[in-house]
Amino acid sequence: MNFLLKMDLDNDATQTNQDIADLLRGLADQFARYGGDALVEEGAILRDYNGNTIGSWAIANHTHA
């Protein structure tokens, strides 16, 4: 199983380490709200503080040979 995170840093709202940290904290908060022990096997769009789509995350079952 893999956790996949893609984030585009080519916009005005993702230019500093603090911007990235804030986005990751927000994502961690989303996971905490799900609660329980089971992994959430769905994905979501990541948005910056301006509401622009800047990436996505997913939990996927991938096997590598």
C-alpha atoms as a PDB file:
ATOM      1  CA  MET A   1       0.000   0.000   0.000  1.00  0.00           C
ATOM      2  CA  ASN A   2       1.296   3.474  -0.845  1.00  0.00           C
ATOM      3  CA  PHE A   3       0.502   6.996   0.220  1.00  0.00           C
ATOM      4  CA  LEU A   4       0.823   9.217  -2.834  1.00  0.00           C
ATOM      5  CA  LEU A   5       1.094  12.984  -2.563  1.00  0.00           C
ATOM      6  CA  LYS A   6       1.512  15.377  -5.458  1.00  0.00           C
ATOM      7  CA  MET A   7       1.887  19.096  -4.869  1.00  0.00           C
ATOM      8  CA  ASP A   8       2.520  21.777  -7.505  1.00  0.00           C
ATOM      9  CA  LEU A   9       4.773  24.494  -6.091  1.00  0.00           C
ATOM     10  CA  ASP A  10       4.553  26.800  -9.126  1.00  0.00           C
ATOM     11  CA  ASN A  11       1.957  29.220  -7.770  1.00  0.00           C
ATOM     12  CA  ASP A  12       1.960  32.233  -5.481  1.00  0.00           C
ATOM     13  CA  ALA A  13       0.538  30.374  -2.467  1.00  0.00           C
ATOM     14  CA  THR A  14       3.220  27.658  -2.343  1.00  0.00           C
ATOM     15  CA  GLN A  15       6.496  29.533  -2.409  1.00  0.00           C
ATOM     16  CA  THR A  16       7.889  29.066   1.092  1.00  0.00           C
ATOM     17  CA  ASN A  17       8.624  26.241   3.488  1.00  0.00           C
ATOM     18  CA  GLN A  18       5.876  27.663   5.703  1.00  0.00           C
ATOM     19  CA  ASP A  19       3.347  27.391   2.851  1.00  0.00           C
ATOM     20  CA  ILE A  20       4.188  23.711   2.406  1.00  0.00           C
ATOM     21  CA  ALA A  21       4.115  23.058   6.170  1.00  0.00           C
ATOM     22  CA  ASP A  22       0.669  24.672   6.410  1.00  0.00           C
ATOM     23  CA  LEU A  23      -0.654  22.466   3.596  1.00  0.00           C
ATOM     24  CA  LEU A  24       0.772  19.321   5.206  1.00  0.00           C
ATOM     25  CA  ARG A  25      -0.717  20.285   8.592  1.00  0.00           C
ATOM     26  CA  GLY A  26      -4.088  20.748   6.937  1.00  0.00           C
ATOM     27  CA  LEU A  27      -3.797  17.327   5.342  1.00  0.00           C
ATOM     28  CA  ALA A  28      -2.828  15.767   8.688  1.00  0.00           C
ATOM     29  CA  ASP A  29      -5.880  17.403  10.263  1.00  0.00           C
ATOM     30  CA  GLN A  30      -8.086  15.849   7.570  1.00  0.00           C
ATOM     31  CA  PHE A  31      -6.735  12.388   8.404  1.00  0.00           C
ATOM     32  CA  ALA A  32      -7.202  12.973  12.135  1.00  0.00           C
ATOM     33  CA  ARG A  33     -10.867  13.863  11.566  1.00  0.00           C
ATOM     34  CA  TYR A  34     -11.483  10.460   9.949  1.00  0.00           C
ATOM     35  CA  GLY A  35     -10.523   8.779  13.245  1.00  0.00           C
ATOM     36  CA  GLY A  36     -10.466   5.045  13.784  1.00  0.00           C
ATOM     37  CA  ASP A  37      -7.778   2.586  12.872  1.00  0.00           C
ATOM     38  CA  ALA A  38      -8.671   1.924   9.244  1.00  0.00           C
ATOM     39  CA  LEU A  39      -6.886   3.764   6.475  1.00  0.00           C
ATOM     40  CA  VAL A  40      -9.031   5.932   4.280  1.00  0.00           C
ATOM     41  CA  GLU A  41      -8.672   4.451   0.822  1.00  0.00           C
ATOM     42  CA  GLU A  42      -9.834   7.429  -1.140  1.00  0.00           C
ATOM     43  CA  GLY A  43      -8.121  10.462  -2.501  1.00  0.00           C
ATOM     44  CA  ALA A  44      -8.681  14.149  -2.371  1.00  0.00           C
ATOM     45  CA  ILE A  45      -7.699  17.329  -4.113  1.00  0.00           C
ATOM     46  CA  LEU A  46      -5.282  19.666  -2.338  1.00  0.00           C
ATOM     47  CA  ARG A  47      -6.091  23.368  -2.494  1.00  0.00           C
ATOM     48  CA  ASP A  48      -4.010  26.374  -1.503  1.00  0.00           C
ATOM     49  CA  TYR A  49      -5.332  29.166   0.713  1.00  0.00           C
ATOM     50  CA  ASN A  50      -6.631  30.918  -2.406  1.00  0.00           C
ATOM     51  CA  GLY A  51      -8.768  27.896  -3.256  1.00  0.00           C
ATOM     52  CA  ASN A  52      -6.689  26.886  -6.271  1.00  0.00           C
ATOM     53  CA  THR A  53      -6.099  23.198  -6.952  1.00  0.00           C
ATOM     54  CA  ILE A  54      -2.412  22.502  -6.369  1.00  0.00           C
ATOM     55  CA  GLY A  55      -2.261  18.730  -6.091  1.00  0.00           C
ATOM     56  CA  SER A  56      -3.807  15.559  -4.769  1.00  0.00           C
ATOM     57  CA  TRP A  57      -3.303  12.644  -2.416  1.00  0.00           C
ATOM     58  CA  ALA A  58      -4.318   9.015  -2.548  1.00  0.00           C
ATOM     59  CA  ILE A  59      -3.825   5.747  -0.738  1.00  0.00           C
ATOM     60  CA  ALA A  60      -3.395   2.998  -3.255  1.00  0.00           C
ATOM     61  CA  ASN A  61      -2.693  -0.701  -3.314  1.00  0.00           C
ATOM     62  CA  HIS A  62       0.377  -0.973  -5.519  1.00  0.00           C
ATOM     63  CA  THR A  63       2.700  -3.900  -5.650  1.00  0.00           C
ATOM     64  CA  HIS A  64       6.172  -3.667  -7.073  1.00  0.00           C
ATOM     65  CA  ALA A  65       7.956  -6.636  -8.561  1.00  0.00           C
END
